[in-house]
C-alpha cells in the first residue's frame, strides 16, 4: 500500500512537471511568434514599400 501511494505521488509530480513544460513551450512559442511578427514588420520597412 505504501509503495503504491509513493508511486502514485511520483506520477502526480511527473504530470505536473509535464504540464509546466507544456506551458513553458506555449509561452516560448507565443514569444517567438510575437518576435517574428515584430521582425517581419521592421524588415518590411527596410525591404519593401508595402506596409502591413
Protein backbone atom coordinates (compact mmCIF):
# COMPACT_ATOMS: atom_id res chain seq x y z
CA UNK A 1 0.00 0.00 0.00
CA UNK A 2 2.74 2.45 1.00
CA UNK A 3 4.77 1.60 -2.09
CA UNK A 4 1.73 2.16 -4.32
CA UNK A 5 0.94 5.58 -2.85
CA UNK A 6 4.56 6.64 -3.37
CA UNK A 7 4.31 5.54 -6.98
CA UNK A 8 1.06 7.50 -7.43
CA UNK A 9 2.67 10.53 -5.80
CA UNK A 10 5.57 10.31 -8.23
CA UNK A 11 3.19 10.07 -11.17
CA UNK A 12 1.33 13.18 -9.99
CA UNK A 13 4.60 15.08 -9.78
CA UNK A 14 5.58 13.93 -13.26
CA UNK A 15 2.21 15.05 -14.64
CA UNK A 16 2.65 18.45 -13.03
CA UNK A 17 6.17 18.72 -14.48
CA UNK A 18 4.88 17.81 -17.94
CA UNK A 19 2.16 20.47 -17.68
CA UNK A 20 4.73 23.07 -16.62
CA UNK A 21 6.95 22.13 -19.56
CA UNK A 22 3.98 22.40 -21.93
CA UNK A 23 3.14 25.83 -20.51
CA UNK A 24 6.74 26.94 -20.99
CA UNK A 25 6.62 25.72 -24.59
CA UNK A 26 3.40 27.63 -25.19
CA UNK A 27 4.96 30.77 -23.73
CA UNK A 28 8.08 30.26 -25.82
CA UNK A 29 6.05 29.69 -28.98
CA UNK A 30 3.95 32.80 -28.44
CA UNK A 31 7.10 34.80 -27.66
CA UNK A 32 8.73 33.56 -30.85
CA UNK A 33 5.61 34.36 -32.88
CA UNK A 34 5.47 37.86 -31.41
CA UNK A 35 9.16 38.31 -32.09
CA UNK A 36 8.95 37.14 -35.69
CA UNK A 37 5.89 39.31 -36.30
CA UNK A 38 7.81 42.31 -34.98
CA UNK A 39 10.83 41.41 -37.10
CA UNK A 40 8.67 40.99 -40.20
CA UNK A 41 7.14 44.43 -39.68
CA UNK A 42 10.57 46.00 -39.12
CA UNK A 43 12.07 44.15 -42.08
CA UNK A 44 9.17 45.15 -44.32
CA UNK A 45 10.03 48.81 -43.77
CA UNK A 46 13.57 48.16 -44.93
CA UNK A 47 12.99 45.74 -47.79
CA UNK A 48 9.68 46.74 -49.33
CA UNK A 49 7.41 49.76 -49.61
CA UNK A 50 4.42 47.54 -48.82
CA UNK A 51 3.02 48.30 -45.36
CA UNK A 52 1.48 45.54 -43.29
